[in-house]
Protein backbone atom coordinates (compact mmCIF):
# COMPACT_ATOMS: atom_id res chain seq x y z
CA MET A 1 0.14 0.38 0.02
CA THR A 2 1.50 3.24 -1.08
CA PRO A 3 1.44 5.95 1.72
CA PHE A 4 -0.85 8.81 1.22
CA TYR A 5 1.93 11.44 1.13
CA GLN A 6 3.24 9.41 -1.94
CA MET A 7 0.06 9.15 -4.11
CA LYS A 8 0.25 11.47 -7.24
CA ALA A 9 -3.21 12.97 -6.04
CA VAL A 10 -2.02 14.59 -3.19
CA SER A 11 -0.33 18.45 -3.78
CA PRO A 12 3.00 18.60 -3.46
CA GLN A 13 2.02 21.20 -0.35
CA VAL A 14 0.22 18.37 1.48
CA GLN A 15 3.15 16.10 1.03
CA GLU A 16 5.47 18.67 2.10
CA GLU A 17 3.47 19.20 5.46
CA THR A 18 3.08 15.38 5.95
CA LEU A 19 6.90 14.95 5.78
CA ASP A 20 7.20 17.63 8.18
CA ILE A 21 4.83 15.98 10.71
CA GLY A 22 6.83 12.79 10.35
CA ALA A 23 9.89 14.68 11.40
CA GLU A 24 8.25 16.33 14.59
CA GLU A 25 7.13 12.64 15.45
CA GLN A 26 10.36 11.34 15.33
CA ASN A 27 11.33 14.24 17.91
CA LEU A 28 8.52 13.63 20.35
CA MET A 29 9.67 12.14 24.07
CA VAL A 30 8.20 8.89 24.45
CA VAL A 31 7.76 8.01 27.98
CA CYS A 32 6.09 4.54 29.41
CA GLY A 33 2.47 5.20 30.56
CA TRP A 34 2.75 2.34 33.24
CA CYS A 35 6.00 3.17 35.15
CA GLY A 36 7.02 6.53 33.54
CA SER A 37 10.42 5.55 32.24
CA LEU A 38 11.92 7.08 29.11
CA ILE A 39 11.35 5.07 25.96
CA ARG A 40 12.88 7.73 23.73
CA PRO A 41 14.33 11.16 24.25
CA GLY A 42 12.88 14.12 22.29
CA HIS A 43 12.21 17.76 21.88
CA PHE A 44 8.68 17.79 21.36
CA PRO A 45 5.61 17.22 23.50
CA VAL A 46 5.30 13.67 25.29
CA SER A 47 3.80 10.71 23.92
CA HIS A 48 3.24 7.13 25.62
CA GLY A 49 4.10 4.08 24.71
CA ILE A 50 4.96 1.04 26.84
CA CYS A 51 8.42 0.01 27.65
CA PRO A 52 9.73 -3.74 27.33
CA SER A 53 9.54 -4.56 30.86
CA CYS A 54 6.04 -3.32 31.48
CA PHE A 55 5.01 -4.98 28.35
CA GLY A 56 6.26 -8.08 29.57
CA LYS A 57 4.53 -7.88 32.81
CA GLN A 58 1.33 -6.90 31.17
CA ARG A 59 1.59 -9.95 28.90
CA GLN A 60 2.14 -12.46 31.60
CA ILE A 61 -0.89 -10.65 33.52
CA LEU A 62 -3.33 -11.29 30.21
CA GLN A 63 -1.88 -14.93 29.63
CA GLU A 64 -2.71 -15.89 33.28
CA ALA A 65 -6.01 -13.89 32.93
CA VAL A 66 -6.83 -16.08 29.62
CA LYS A 67 -5.77 -19.42 31.54
CA ARG A 68 -8.24 -18.53 34.43
CA GLY A 69 -10.77 -17.74 31.87
CA ILE A 70 -11.33 -14.05 33.26
CA VAL A 71 -10.52 -12.76 29.41
CA ALA A 72 -11.49 -14.65 26.26
CA ARG A 73 -9.28 -15.39 23.74
CA ARG A 74 -9.87 -14.30 20.29
């Protein structure tokens, strides 16, 4: 699938603005929403993600909940 900013129907101005947004996203500071640890430093406002440690813990919690029948598996 072609990214929308590479489609010929998109004006050059929109392409440029979109690429600028992509560059800004790369400069976002990303903090773990669970423990607050810094995932990626940056210069722009904060975004949130999940660090590998918290991801592992949440995955274990979910797997246990599935085993106990608390959460249905799709």
